[in-house]
Amino acid sequence: MGRVRTLLREQATSWKLPDEVTDTAVLLLGELMTNAYRHAKVPAGREIWARCILAEDRLRISVTDANDTLPTPRDASPDDESGRGLTLVATLADKWGTEPRPCGIGKTVWFELQAARPAVR
């Protein structure tokens, strides 16, 4: 997981995104990747992919895996050691969602953040 977070942080720096947007994006990407590795029991030879797109003032990050089960946030009790990842995504992202992959194998979980760049002086 560390590598994907590092790559996102480097890309966000090259895009000159505000630190708070970068920090939130890195946190949420880590949550989605963790969920994919932990819950998406994928067949051998299948991979988990992350994609980051900056379009105008929106940062969209998606994680795709070969498992068809669409995730939903759950109510974790105070004693649970996990189960809060999608709740974090739902709380911190401007928009998020899940969708089956068009090819029929797997799903994509995505989120968007407002990513207005600082004004150039």
PDB file of N, CA and C in Angstrom:
ATOM      1  N   MET A   1       0.812  -1.193   0.000  1.00  0.00           N
ATOM      2  CA  MET A   1       0.000   0.000   0.000  1.00  0.00           C
ATOM      3  C   MET A   1       0.855   1.256   0.000  1.00  0.00           C
ATOM      4  N   GLY A   2       2.025   1.159   0.613  1.00  0.00           N
ATOM      5  CA  GLY A   2       2.879   2.335   0.703  1.00  0.00           C
ATOM      6  C   GLY A   2       3.270   2.885  -0.656  1.00  0.00           C
ATOM      7  N   ARG A   3       3.519   1.992  -1.600  1.00  0.00           N
ATOM      8  CA  ARG A   3       3.938   2.437  -2.931  1.00  0.00           C
ATOM      9  C   ARG A   3       2.845   3.230  -3.633  1.00  0.00           C
ATOM     10  N   VAL A   4       1.613   2.767  -3.579  1.00  0.00           N
ATOM     11  CA  VAL A   4       0.525   3.473  -4.258  1.00  0.00           C
ATOM     12  C   VAL A   4       0.303   4.845  -3.618  1.00  0.00           C
ATOM     13  N   ARG A   5       0.436   4.928  -2.315  1.00  0.00           N
ATOM     14  CA  ARG A   5       0.284   6.231  -1.645  1.00  0.00           C
ATOM     15  C   ARG A   5       1.419   7.174  -2.041  1.00  0.00           C
ATOM     16  N   THR A   6       2.629   6.651  -2.121  1.00  0.00           N
ATOM     17  CA  THR A   6       3.776   7.473  -2.522  1.00  0.00           C
ATOM     18  C   THR A   6       3.608   7.975  -3.952  1.00  0.00           C
ATOM     19  N   LEU A   7       3.186   7.104  -4.853  1.00  0.00           N
ATOM     20  CA  LEU A   7       2.987   7.512  -6.241  1.00  0.00           C
ATOM     21  C   LEU A   7       1.911   8.581  -6.358  1.00  0.00           C
ATOM     22  N   LEU A   8       0.819   8.440  -5.604  1.00  0.00           N
ATOM     23  CA  LEU A   8      -0.226   9.457  -5.639  1.00  0.00           C
ATOM     24  C   LEU A   8       0.301  10.781  -5.095  1.00  0.00           C
ATOM     25  N   ARG A   9       1.038  10.746  -4.006  1.00  0.00           N
ATOM     26  CA  ARG A   9       1.583  11.975  -3.421  1.00  0.00           C
ATOM     27  C   ARG A   9       2.519  12.674  -4.416  1.00  0.00           C
ATOM     28  N   GLU A  10       3.358  11.896  -5.107  1.00  0.00           N
ATOM     29  CA  GLU A  10       4.257  12.475  -6.109  1.00  0.00           C
ATOM     30  C   GLU A  10       3.474  13.100  -7.264  1.00  0.00           C
ATOM     31  N   GLN A  11       2.440  12.408  -7.737  1.00  0.00           N
ATOM     32  CA  GLN A  11       1.632  12.950  -8.834  1.00  0.00           C
ATOM     33  C   GLN A  11       0.900  14.208  -8.393  1.00  0.00           C
ATOM     34  N   ALA A  12       0.338  14.199  -7.196  1.00  0.00           N
ATOM     35  CA  ALA A  12      -0.372  15.368  -6.683  1.00  0.00           C
ATOM     36  C   ALA A  12       0.563  16.576  -6.573  1.00  0.00           C
ATOM     37  N   THR A  13       1.807  16.326  -6.184  1.00  0.00           N
ATOM     38  CA  THR A  13       2.795  17.404  -6.110  1.00  0.00           C
ATOM     39  C   THR A  13       3.060  17.973  -7.500  1.00  0.00           C
ATOM     40  N   SER A  14       3.196  17.096  -8.487  1.00  0.00           N
ATOM     41  CA  SER A  14       3.440  17.582  -9.849  1.00  0.00           C
ATOM     42  C   SER A  14       2.234  18.348 -10.393  1.00  0.00           C
ATOM     43  N   TRP A  15       1.042  18.004  -9.924  1.00  0.00           N
ATOM     44  CA  TRP A  15      -0.167  18.727 -10.316  1.00  0.00           C
ATOM     45  C   TRP A  15      -0.370  19.989  -9.476  1.00  0.00           C
ATOM     46  N   LYS A  16       0.465  20.181  -8.470  1.00  0.00           N
ATOM     47  CA  LYS A  16       0.378  21.330  -7.565  1.00  0.00           C
ATOM     48  C   LYS A  16      -0.972  21.405  -6.837  1.00  0.00           C
ATOM     49  N   LEU A  17      -1.429  20.245  -6.382  1.00  0.00           N
ATOM     50  CA  LEU A  17      -2.675  20.204  -5.614  1.00  0.00           C
ATOM     51  C   LEU A  17      -2.429  20.719  -4.209  1.00  0.00           C
ATOM     52  N   PRO A  18      -3.432  21.326  -3.594  1.00  0.00           N
ATOM     53  CA  PRO A  18      -3.283  21.763  -2.197  1.00  0.00           C
ATOM     54  C   PRO A  18      -2.982  20.565  -1.289  1.00  0.00           C
ATOM     55  N   ASP A  19      -2.204  20.815  -0.247  1.00  0.00           N
ATOM     56  CA  ASP A  19      -1.814  19.746   0.679  1.00  0.00           C
ATOM     57  C   ASP A  19      -3.014  19.025   1.276  1.00  0.00           C
ATOM     58  N   GLU A  20      -4.067  19.763   1.633  1.00  0.00           N
ATOM     59  CA  GLU A  20      -5.217  19.110   2.272  1.00  0.00           C
ATOM     60  C   GLU A  20      -5.927  18.169   1.299  1.00  0.00           C
ATOM     61  N   VAL A  21      -5.965  18.521   0.020  1.00  0.00           N
ATOM     62  CA  VAL A  21      -6.556  17.627  -0.983  1.00  0.00           C
ATOM     63  C   VAL A  21      -5.687  16.383  -1.132  1.00  0.00           C
ATOM     64  N   THR A  22      -4.381  16.598  -1.209  1.00  0.00           N
ATOM     65  CA  THR A  22      -3.448  15.476  -1.346  1.00  0.00           C
ATOM     66  C   THR A  22      -3.553  14.533  -0.157  1.00  0.00           C
ATOM     67  N   ASP A  23      -3.552  15.087   1.050  1.00  0.00           N
ATOM     68  CA  ASP A  23      -3.622  14.246   2.247  1.00  0.00           C
ATOM     69  C   ASP A  23      -4.905  13.418   2.280  1.00  0.00           C
ATOM     70  N   THR A  24      -6.028  14.050   1.931  1.00  0.00           N
ATOM     71  CA  THR A  24      -7.305  13.330   1.920  1.00  0.00           C
ATOM     72  C   THR A  24      -7.303  12.255   0.837  1.00  0.00           C
ATOM     73  N   ALA A  25      -6.812  12.588  -0.339  1.00  0.00           N
ATOM     74  CA  ALA A  25      -6.776  11.613  -1.437  1.00  0.00           C
ATOM     75  C   ALA A  25      -5.902  10.413  -1.085  1.00  0.00           C
ATOM     76  N   VAL A  26      -4.751  10.660  -0.478  1.00  0.00           N
ATOM     77  CA  VAL A  26      -3.853   9.571  -0.093  1.00  0.00           C
ATOM     78  C   VAL A  26      -4.521   8.672   0.948  1.00  0.00           C
ATOM     79  N   LEU A  27      -5.169   9.267   1.930  1.00  0.00           N
ATOM     80  CA  LEU A  27      -5.874   8.490   2.955  1.00  0.00           C
ATOM     81  C   LEU A  27      -6.964   7.622   2.324  1.00  0.00           C
ATOM     82  N   LEU A  28      -7.800   8.226   1.478  1.00  0.00           N
ATOM     83  CA  LEU A  28      -8.925   7.486   0.904  1.00  0.00           C
ATOM     84  C   LEU A  28      -8.465   6.425  -0.090  1.00  0.00           C
ATOM     85  N   LEU A  29      -7.424   6.718  -0.867  1.00  0.00           N
ATOM     86  CA  LEU A  29      -6.880   5.694  -1.757  1.00  0.00           C
ATOM     87  C   LEU A  29      -6.371   4.507  -0.941  1.00  0.00           C
ATOM     88  N   GLY A  30      -5.698   4.779   0.158  1.00  0.00           N
ATOM     89  CA  GLY A  30      -5.233   3.697   1.034  1.00  0.00           C
ATOM     90  C   GLY A  30      -6.385   2.840   1.536  1.00  0.00           C
ATOM     91  N   GLU A  31      -7.497   3.472   1.876  1.00  0.00           N
ATOM     92  CA  GLU A  31      -8.675   2.721   2.334  1.00  0.00           C
ATOM     93  C   GLU A  31      -9.229   1.830   1.229  1.00  0.00           C
ATOM     94  N   LEU A  32      -9.355   2.379   0.011  1.00  0.00           N
ATOM     95  CA  LEU A  32      -9.903   1.575  -1.084  1.00  0.00           C
ATOM     96  C   LEU A  32      -8.972   0.428  -1.458  1.00  0.00           C
ATOM     97  N   MET A  33      -7.673   0.684  -1.481  1.00  0.00           N
ATOM     98  CA  MET A  33      -6.728  -0.383  -1.803  1.00  0.00           C
ATOM     99  C   MET A  33      -6.741  -1.465  -0.725  1.00  0.00           C
ATOM    100  N   THR A  34      -6.805  -1.057   0.533  1.00  0.00           N
ATOM    101  CA  THR A  34      -6.871  -2.030   1.624  1.00  0.00           C
ATOM    102  C   THR A  34      -8.114  -2.892   1.491  1.00  0.00           C
ATOM    103  N   ASN A  35      -9.259  -2.269   1.203  1.00  0.00           N
ATOM    104  CA  ASN A  35     -10.497  -3.033   1.026  1.00  0.00           C
ATOM    105  C   ASN A  35     -10.364  -4.024  -0.121  1.00  0.00           C
ATOM    106  N   ALA A  36      -9.775  -3.582  -1.226  1.00  0.00           N
ATOM    107  CA  ALA A  36      -9.632  -4.476  -2.374  1.00  0.00           C
ATOM    108  C   ALA A  36      -8.740  -5.664  -2.026  1.00  0.00           C
ATOM    109  N   TYR A  37      -7.622  -5.416  -1.365  1.00  0.00           N
ATOM    110  CA  TYR A  37      -6.728  -6.523  -1.002  1.00  0.00           C
ATOM    111  C   TYR A  37      -7.346  -7.444   0.042  1.00  0.00           C
ATOM    112  N   ARG A  38      -8.077  -6.865   0.963  1.00  0.00           N
ATOM    113  CA  ARG A  38      -8.630  -7.650   2.065  1.00  0.00           C
ATOM    114  C   ARG A  38      -9.874  -8.435   1.656  1.00  0.00           C
ATOM    115  N   HIS A  39     -10.728  -7.840   0.843  1.00  0.00           N
ATOM    116  CA  HIS A  39     -12.040  -8.441   0.591  1.00  0.00           C
ATOM    117  C   HIS A  39     -12.232  -8.993  -0.814  1.00  0.00           C
ATOM    118  N   ALA A  40     -11.482  -8.519  -1.772  1.00  0.00           N
ATOM    119  CA  ALA A  40     -11.682  -8.967  -3.156  1.00  0.00           C
ATOM    120  C   ALA A  40     -10.826 -10.190  -3.416  1.00  0.00           C
ATOM    121  N   LYS A  41     -11.362 -11.323  -3.111  1.00  0.00           N
ATOM    122  CA  LYS A  41     -10.659 -12.587  -3.351  1.00  0.00           C
ATOM    123  C   LYS A  41     -10.660 -12.829  -4.852  1.00  0.00           C
ATOM    124  N   VAL A  42      -9.599 -12.411  -5.504  1.00  0.00           N
ATOM    125  CA  VAL A  42      -9.559 -12.468  -6.961  1.00  0.00           C
ATOM    126  C   VAL A  42      -8.824 -13.715  -7.433  1.00  0.00           C
ATOM    127  N   PRO A  43      -9.195 -14.212  -8.600  1.00  0.00           N
ATOM    128  CA  PRO A  43      -8.517 -15.381  -9.145  1.00  0.00           C
ATOM    129  C   PRO A  43      -7.047 -15.070  -9.448  1.00  0.00           C
ATOM    130  N   ALA A  44      -6.234 -16.100  -9.457  1.00  0.00           N
ATOM    131  CA  ALA A  44      -4.815 -15.933  -9.799  1.00  0.00           C
ATOM    132  C   ALA A  44      -4.709 -15.274 -11.169  1.00  0.00           C
ATOM    133  N   GLY A  45      -3.758 -14.379 -11.304  1.00  0.00           N
ATOM    134  CA  GLY A  45      -3.556 -13.685 -12.564  1.00  0.00           C
ATOM    135  C   GLY A  45      -4.350 -12.401 -12.688  1.00  0.00           C
ATOM    136  N   ARG A  46      -5.256 -12.159 -11.770  1.00  0.00           N
ATOM    137  CA  ARG A  46      -6.026 -10.909 -11.781  1.00  0.00           C
ATOM    138  C   ARG A  46      -5.315  -9.915 -10.871  1.00  0.00           C
ATOM    139  N   GLU A  47      -5.461  -8.659 -11.197  1.00  0.00           N
ATOM    140  CA  GLU A  47      -4.772  -7.624 -10.435  1.00  0.00           C
ATOM    141  C   GLU A  47      -5.749  -6.600  -9.905  1.00  0.00           C
ATOM    142  N   ILE A  48      -5.258  -5.776  -9.014  1.00  0.00           N
ATOM    143  CA  ILE A  48      -5.997  -4.629  -8.506  1.00  0.00           C
ATOM    144  C   ILE A  48      -5.332  -3.393  -9.101  1.00  0.00           C
ATOM    145  N   TRP A  49      -6.145  -2.515  -9.667  1.00  0.00           N
ATOM    146  CA  TRP A  49      -5.641  -1.334 -10.343  1.00  0.00           C
ATOM    147  C   TRP A  49      -6.142  -0.067  -9.658  1.00  0.00           C
ATOM    148  N   ALA A  50      -5.295   0.934  -9.618  1.00  0.00           N
ATOM    149  CA  ALA A  50      -5.697   2.263  -9.151  1.00  0.00           C
ATOM    150  C   ALA A  50      -5.474   3.242 -10.293  1.00  0.00           C
ATOM    151  N   ARG A  51      -6.371   4.197 -10.414  1.00  0.00           N
ATOM    152  CA  ARG A  51      -6.264   5.214 -11.462  1.00  0.00           C
ATOM    153  C   ARG A  51      -6.618   6.562 -10.872  1.00  0.00           C
ATOM    154  N   CYS A  52      -5.823   7.568 -11.207  1.00  0.00           N
ATOM    155  CA  CYS A  52      -6.042   8.926 -10.719  1.00  0.00           C
ATOM    156  C   CYS A  52      -6.146   9.858 -11.916  1.00  0.00           C
ATOM    157  N   ILE A  53      -7.205  10.642 -11.950  1.00  0.00           N
ATOM    158  CA  ILE A  53      -7.432  11.569 -13.054  1.00  0.00           C
ATOM    159  C   ILE A  53      -7.739  12.941 -12.476  1.00  0.00           C
ATOM    160  N   LEU A  54      -7.041  13.944 -12.981  1.00  0.00           N
ATOM    161  CA  LEU A  54      -7.338  15.328 -12.635  1.00  0.00           C
ATOM    162  C   LEU A  54      -7.956  15.975 -13.856  1.00  0.00           C
ATOM    163  N   ALA A  55      -9.202  16.385 -13.748  1.00  0.00           N
ATOM    164  CA  ALA A  55      -9.913  17.037 -14.844  1.00  0.00           C
ATOM    165  C   ALA A  55     -10.488  18.339 -14.319  1.00  0.00           C
ATOM    166  N   GLU A  56      -9.997  19.434 -14.855  1.00  0.00           N
ATOM    167  CA  GLU A  56     -10.377  20.764 -14.398  1.00  0.00           C
ATOM    168  C   GLU A  56     -10.128  20.868 -12.902  1.00  0.00           C
ATOM    169  N   ASP A  57     -11.160  20.950 -12.110  1.00  0.00           N
ATOM    170  CA  ASP A  57     -10.965  21.115 -10.665  1.00  0.00           C
ATOM    171  C   ASP A  57     -11.427  19.903  -9.869  1.00  0.00           C
ATOM    172  N   ARG A  58     -11.475  18.726 -10.512  1.00  0.00           N
ATOM    173  CA  ARG A  58     -11.926  17.501  -9.855  1.00  0.00           C
ATOM    174  C   ARG A  58     -10.837  16.442  -9.927  1.00  0.00           C
ATOM    175  N   LEU A  59     -10.551  15.845  -8.792  1.00  0.00           N
ATOM    176  CA  LEU A  59      -9.642  14.706  -8.730  1.00  0.00           C
ATOM    177  C   LEU A  59     -10.500  13.459  -8.560  1.00  0.00           C
ATOM    178  N   ARG A  60     -10.375  12.527  -9.493  1.00  0.00           N
ATOM    179  CA  ARG A  60     -11.138  11.272  -9.422  1.00  0.00           C
ATOM    180  C   ARG A  60     -10.136  10.135  -9.286  1.00  0.00           C
ATOM    181  N   ILE A  61     -10.340   9.332  -8.257  1.00  0.00           N
ATOM    182  CA  ILE A  61      -9.480   8.181  -7.995  1.00  0.00           C
ATOM    183  C   ILE A  61     -10.366   6.947  -7.962  1.00  0.00           C
ATOM    184  N   SER A  62      -9.923   5.920  -8.690  1.00  0.00           N
ATOM    185  CA  SER A  62     -10.701   4.685  -8.721  1.00  0.00           C
ATOM    186  C   SER A  62      -9.789   3.490  -8.478  1.00  0.00           C
ATOM    187  N   VAL A  63     -10.380   2.469  -7.877  1.00  0.00           N
ATOM    188  CA  VAL A  63      -9.695   1.204  -7.635  1.00  0.00           C
ATOM    189  C   VAL A  63     -10.568   0.114  -8.239  1.00  0.00           C
ATOM    190  N   THR A  64      -9.954  -0.707  -9.081  1.00  0.00           N
ATOM    191  CA  THR A  64     -10.663  -1.762  -9.798  1.00  0.00           C
ATOM    192  C   THR A  64     -10.084  -3.116  -9.428  1.00  0.00           C
ATOM    193  N   ASP A  65     -10.966  -4.077  -9.203  1.00  0.00           N
ATOM    194  CA  ASP A  65     -10.517  -5.447  -8.939  1.00  0.00           C
ATOM    195  C   ASP A  65     -11.443  -6.418  -9.657  1.00  0.00           C
ATOM    196  N   ALA A  66     -11.122  -7.697  -9.609  1.00  0.00           N
ATOM    197  CA  ALA A  66     -11.858  -8.712 -10.362  1.00  0.00           C
ATOM    198  C   ALA A  66     -12.960  -9.391  -9.554  1.00  0.00           C
ATOM    199  N   ASN A  67     -13.323  -8.850  -8.411  1.00  0.00           N
ATOM    200  CA  ASN A  67     -14.403  -9.409  -7.604  1.00  0.00           C
ATOM    201  C   ASN A  67     -15.684  -8.644  -7.917  1.00  0.00           C
ATOM    202  N   ASP A  68     -16.783  -9.355  -8.120  1.00  0.00           N
ATOM    203  CA  ASP A  68     -18.042  -8.729  -8.520  1.00  0.00           C
ATOM    204  C   ASP A  68     -18.851  -8.122  -7.374  1.00  0.00           C
ATOM    205  N   THR A  69     -18.516  -8.422  -6.142  1.00  0.00           N
ATOM    206  CA  THR A  69     -19.304  -7.957  -5.009  1.00  0.00           C
ATOM    207  C   THR A  69     -19.090  -6.468  -4.782  1.00  0.00           C
ATOM    208  N   LEU A  70     -20.182  -5.681  -4.877  1.00  0.00           N
ATOM    209  CA  LEU A  70     -20.093  -4.245  -4.657  1.00  0.00           C
ATOM    210  C   LEU A  70     -20.098  -3.967  -3.155  1.00  0.00           C
ATOM    211  N   PRO A  71     -19.129  -3.198  -2.669  1.00  0.00           N
ATOM    212  CA  PRO A  71     -19.058  -2.928  -1.235  1.00  0.00           C
ATOM    213  C   PRO A  71     -20.063  -1.863  -0.805  1.00  0.00           C
ATOM    214  N   THR A  72     -20.441  -1.927   0.451  1.00  0.00           N
ATOM    215  CA  THR A  72     -21.297  -0.906   1.052  1.00  0.00           C
ATOM    216  C   THR A  72     -20.727  -0.563   2.423  1.00  0.00           C
ATOM    217  N   PRO A  73     -20.887   0.690   2.848  1.00  0.00           N
ATOM    218  CA  PRO A  73     -20.419   1.044   4.193  1.00  0.00           C
ATOM    219  C   PRO A  73     -21.169   0.232   5.236  1.00  0.00           C
ATOM    220  N   ARG A  74     -20.506  -0.052   6.336  1.00  0.00           N
ATOM    221  CA  ARG A  74     -21.175  -0.776   7.415  1.00  0.00           C
ATOM    222  C   ARG A  74     -21.049   0.026   8.703  1.00  0.00           C
ATOM    223  N   ASP A  75     -21.886  -0.294   9.642  1.00  0.00           N
ATOM    224  CA  ASP A  75     -21.840   0.362  10.946  1.00  0.00           C
ATOM    225  C   ASP A  75     -20.904  -0.428  11.847  1.00  0.00           C
ATOM    226  N   ALA A  76     -19.705   0.102  12.016  1.00  0.00           N
ATOM    227  CA  ALA A  76     -18.736  -0.550  12.893  1.00  0.00           C
ATOM    228  C   ALA A  76     -18.991  -0.103  14.326  1.00  0.00           C
ATOM    229  N   SER A  77     -18.935  -1.050  15.236  1.00  0.00           N
ATOM    230  CA  SER A  77     -19.099  -0.699  16.644  1.00  0.00           C
ATOM    231  C   SER A  77     -17.785  -0.120  17.167  1.00  0.00           C
ATOM    232  N   PRO A  78     -17.828   0.567  18.297  1.00  0.00           N
ATOM    233  CA  PRO A  78     -16.591   1.136  18.854  1.00  0.00           C
ATOM    234  C   PRO A  78     -15.508   0.094  19.125  1.00  0.00           C
ATOM    235  N   ASP A  79     -15.899  -1.153  19.331  1.00  0.00           N
ATOM    236  CA  ASP A  79     -14.921  -2.207  19.615  1.00  0.00           C
ATOM    237  C   ASP A  79     -14.345  -2.860  18.361  1.00  0.00           C
ATOM    238  N   ASP A  80     -14.951  -2.617  17.197  1.00  0.00           N
ATOM    239  CA  ASP A  80     -14.451  -3.216  15.954  1.00  0.00           C
ATOM    240  C   ASP A  80     -13.099  -2.613  15.588  1.00  0.00           C
ATOM    241  N   GLU A  81     -12.198  -3.482  15.125  1.00  0.00           N
ATOM    242  CA  GLU A  81     -10.872  -3.024  14.716  1.00  0.00           C
ATOM    243  C   GLU A  81     -10.816  -2.630  13.248  1.00  0.00           C
ATOM    244  N   SER A  82     -11.877  -2.886  12.507  1.00  0.00           N
ATOM    245  CA  SER A  82     -11.927  -2.516  11.091  1.00  0.00           C
ATOM    246  C   SER A  82     -13.384  -2.226  10.727  1.00  0.00           C
ATOM    247  N   GLY A  83     -13.600  -1.923   9.456  1.00  0.00           N
ATOM    248  CA  GLY A  83     -14.968  -1.708   9.002  1.00  0.00           C
ATOM    249  C   GLY A  83     -15.363  -0.256   8.840  1.00  0.00           C
ATOM    250  N   ARG A  84     -14.385   0.651   8.890  1.00  0.00           N
ATOM    251  CA  ARG A  84     -14.704   2.074   8.791  1.00  0.00           C
ATOM    252  C   ARG A  84     -14.220   2.719   7.493  1.00  0.00           C
ATOM    253  N   GLY A  85     -13.572   1.947   6.623  1.00  0.00           N
ATOM    254  CA  GLY A  85     -12.965   2.498   5.414  1.00  0.00           C
ATOM    255  C   GLY A  85     -13.944   3.212   4.502  1.00  0.00           C
ATOM    256  N   LEU A  86     -15.041   2.537   4.150  1.00  0.00           N
ATOM    257  CA  LEU A  86     -16.009   3.175   3.260  1.00  0.00           C
ATOM    258  C   LEU A  86     -16.760   4.309   3.945  1.00  0.00           C
ATOM    259  N   THR A  87     -16.901   4.232   5.245  1.00  0.00           N
ATOM    260  CA  THR A  87     -17.509   5.352   5.977  1.00  0.00           C
ATOM    261  C   THR A  87     -16.609   6.577   5.878  1.00  0.00           C
ATOM    262  N   LEU A  88     -15.308   6.374   5.983  1.00  0.00           N
ATOM    263  CA  LEU A  88     -14.358   7.482   5.784  1.00  0.00           C
ATOM    264  C   LEU A  88     -14.486   8.048   4.377  1.00  0.00           C
ATOM    265  N   VAL A  89     -14.536   7.180   3.393  1.00  0.00           N
ATOM    266  CA  VAL A  89     -14.667   7.629   2.007  1.00  0.00           C
ATOM    267  C   VAL A  89     -15.950   8.437   1.845  1.00  0.00           C
ATOM    268  N   ALA A  90     -17.061   7.912   2.337  1.00  0.00           N
ATOM    269  CA  ALA A  90     -18.350   8.595   2.211  1.00  0.00           C
ATOM    270  C   ALA A  90     -18.350   9.946   2.929  1.00  0.00           C
ATOM    271  N   THR A  91     -17.630  10.034   4.028  1.00  0.00           N
ATOM    272  CA  THR A  91     -17.597  11.270   4.812  1.00  0.00           C
ATOM    273  C   THR A  91     -16.683  12.323   4.195  1.00  0.00           C
ATOM    274  N   LEU A  92     -15.515  11.908   3.716  1.00  0.00           N
ATOM    275  CA  LEU A  92     -14.504  12.872   3.279  1.00  0.00           C
ATOM    276  C   LEU A  92     -14.545  13.204   1.788  1.00  0.00           C
ATOM    277  N   ALA A  93     -15.064  12.314   0.974  1.00  0.00           N
ATOM    278  CA  ALA A  93     -15.108  12.571  -0.470  1.00  0.00           C
ATOM    279  C   ALA A  93     -16.302  13.448  -0.817  1.00  0.00           C
ATOM    280  N   ASP A  94     -16.169  14.223  -1.885  1.00  0.00           N
ATOM    281  CA  ASP A  94     -17.300  15.013  -2.371  1.00  0.00           C
ATOM    282  C   ASP A  94     -18.345  14.109  -3.015  1.00  0.00           C
ATOM    283  N   LYS A  95     -17.881  13.092  -3.715  1.00  0.00           N
ATOM    284  CA  LYS A  95     -18.749  12.089  -4.330  1.00  0.00           C
ATOM    285  C   LYS A  95     -17.995  10.767  -4.295  1.00  0.00           C
ATOM    286  N   TRP A  96     -18.725   9.669  -4.273  1.00  0.00           N
ATOM    287  CA  TRP A  96     -18.106   8.355  -4.358  1.00  0.00           C
ATOM    288  C   TRP A  96     -19.148   7.370  -4.848  1.00  0.00           C
ATOM    289  N   GLY A  97     -18.688   6.222  -5.302  1.00  0.00           N
ATOM    290  CA  GLY A  97     -19.626   5.214  -5.741  1.00  0.00           C
ATOM    291  C   GLY A  97     -18.926   3.919  -6.113  1.00  0.00           C
ATOM    292  N   THR A  98     -19.748   2.964  -6.509  1.00  0.00           N
ATOM    293  CA  THR A  98     -19.269   1.660  -6.968  1.00  0.00           C
ATOM    294  C   THR A  98     -20.007   1.327  -8.246  1.00  0.00           C
ATOM    295  N   GLU A  99     -19.369   0.541  -9.092  1.00  0.00           N
ATOM    296  CA  GLU A  99     -20.024   0.130 -10.327  1.00  0.00           C
ATOM    297  C   GLU A  99     -19.381  -1.148 -10.847  1.00  0.00           C
ATOM    298  N   PRO A 100     -20.170  -2.004 -11.457  1.00  0.00           N
ATOM    299  CA  PRO A 100     -19.596  -3.185 -12.089  1.00  0.00           C
ATOM    300  C   PRO A 100     -18.716  -2.745 -13.263  1.00  0.00           C
ATOM    301  N   ARG A 101     -17.685  -3.505 -13.544  1.00  0.00           N
ATOM    302  CA  ARG A 101     -16.851  -3.197 -14.707  1.00  0.00           C
ATOM    303  C   ARG A 101     -17.634  -3.512 -15.972  1.00  0.00           C
ATOM    304  N   PRO A 102     -17.469  -2.702 -16.998  1.00  0.00           N
ATOM    305  CA  PRO A 102     -18.225  -2.910 -18.242  1.00  0.00           C
ATOM    306  C   PRO A 102     -17.972  -4.273 -18.893  1.00  0.00           C
ATOM    307  N   CYS A 103     -16.794  -4.833 -18.689  1.00  0.00           N
ATOM    308  CA  CYS A 103     -16.482  -6.119 -19.316  1.00  0.00           C
ATOM    309  C   CYS A 103     -17.142  -7.287 -18.591  1.00  0.00           C
ATOM    310  N   GLY A 104     -17.759  -6.999 -17.447  1.00  0.00           N
ATOM    311  CA  GLY A 104     -18.469  -8.045 -16.720  1.00  0.00           C
ATOM    312  C   GLY A 104     -17.650  -8.777 -15.683  1.00  0.00           C
ATOM    313  N   ILE A 105     -16.384  -8.424 -15.535  1.00  0.00           N
ATOM    314  CA  ILE A 105     -15.547  -9.080 -14.536  1.00  0.00           C
ATOM    315  C   ILE A 105     -15.101  -8.037 -13.535  1.00  0.00           C
ATOM    316  N   GLY A 106     -15.617  -8.101 -12.323  1.00  0.00           N
ATOM    317  CA  GLY A 106     -15.149  -7.219 -11.272  1.00  0.00           C
ATOM    318  C   GLY A 106     -15.929  -5.933 -11.120  1.00  0.00           C
ATOM    319  N   LYS A 107     -15.321  -5.022 -10.376  1.00  0.00           N
ATOM    320  CA  LYS A 107     -15.973  -3.766 -10.022  1.00  0.00           C
ATOM    321  C   LYS A 107     -14.936  -2.648  -9.930  1.00  0.00           C
ATOM    322  N   THR A 108     -15.458  -1.436  -9.879  1.00  0.00           N
ATOM    323  CA  THR A 108     -14.650  -0.245  -9.633  1.00  0.00           C
ATOM    324  C   THR A 108     -15.291   0.518  -8.493  1.00  0.00           C
ATOM    325  N   VAL A 109     -14.477   0.931  -7.541  1.00  0.00           N
ATOM    326  CA  VAL A 109     -14.907   1.813  -6.452  1.00  0.00           C
ATOM    327  C   VAL A 109     -14.146   3.109  -6.664  1.00  0.00           C
ATOM    328  N   TRP A 110     -14.842   4.244  -6.615  1.00  0.00           N
ATOM    329  CA  TRP A 110     -14.213   5.517  -6.934  1.00  0.00           C
ATOM    330  C   TRP A 110     -14.651   6.610  -5.961  1.00  0.00           C
ATOM    331  N   PHE A 111     -13.860   7.665  -5.941  1.00  0.00           N
ATOM    332  CA  PHE A 111     -14.262   8.869  -5.214  1.00  0.00           C
ATOM    333  C   PHE A 111     -13.738  10.085  -5.947  1.00  0.00           C
ATOM    334  N   GLU A 112     -14.367  11.224  -5.669  1.00  0.00           N
ATOM    335  CA  GLU A 112     -13.939  12.497  -6.244  1.00  0.00           C
ATOM    336  C   GLU A 112     -13.752  13.514  -5.134  1.00  0.00           C
ATOM    337  N   LEU A 113     -12.768  14.376  -5.352  1.00  0.00           N
ATOM    338  CA  LEU A 113     -12.509  15.491  -4.454  1.00  0.00           C
ATOM    339  C   LEU A 113     -12.424  16.772  -5.261  1.00  0.00           C
ATOM    340  N   GLN A 114     -12.907  17.851  -4.696  1.00  0.00           N
ATOM    341  CA  GLN A 114     -12.697  19.168  -5.285  1.00  0.00           C
ATOM    342  C   GLN A 114     -11.198  19.428  -5.200  1.00  0.00           C
ATOM    343  N   ALA A 115     -10.592  19.782  -6.307  1.00  0.00           N
ATOM    344  CA  ALA A 115      -9.126  19.896  -6.325  1.00  0.00           C
ATOM    345  C   ALA A 115      -8.666  21.213  -6.927  1.00  0.00           C
ATOM    346  N   ALA A 116      -9.330  22.283  -6.554  1.00  0.00           N
ATOM    347  CA  ALA A 116      -8.943  23.593  -7.095  1.00  0.00           C
ATOM    348  C   ALA A 116      -7.477  23.859  -6.786  1.00  0.00           C
ATOM    349  N   ARG A 117      -6.759  24.232  -7.811  1.00  0.00           N
ATOM    350  CA  ARG A 117      -5.343  24.539  -7.639  1.00  0.00           C
ATOM    351  C   ARG A 117      -5.201  25.963  -7.134  1.00  0.00           C
ATOM    352  N   PRO A 118      -4.097  26.234  -6.412  1.00  0.00           N
ATOM    353  CA  PRO A 118      -3.903  27.593  -5.947  1.00  0.00           C
ATOM    354  C   PRO A 118      -3.756  28.559  -7.125  1.00  0.00           C
ATOM    355  N   ALA A 119      -4.217  29.774  -6.926  1.00  0.00           N
ATOM    356  CA  ALA A 119      -4.117  30.789  -7.983  1.00  0.00           C
ATOM    357  C   ALA A 119      -2.658  31.083  -8.284  1.00  0.00           C
ATOM    358  N   VAL A 120      -2.356  31.241  -9.577  1.00  0.00           N
ATOM    359  CA  VAL A 120      -0.992  31.581  -9.992  1.00  0.00           C
ATOM    360  C   VAL A 120      -0.831  33.092  -9.901  1.00  0.00           C
ATOM    361  N   ARG A 121       0.264  33.512  -9.304  1.00  0.00           N
ATOM    362  CA  ARG A 121       0.485  34.961  -9.150  1.00  0.00           C
ATOM    363  C   ARG A 121       1.534  35.441 -10.089  1.00  0.00           C
TER     364      ARG A 121
END
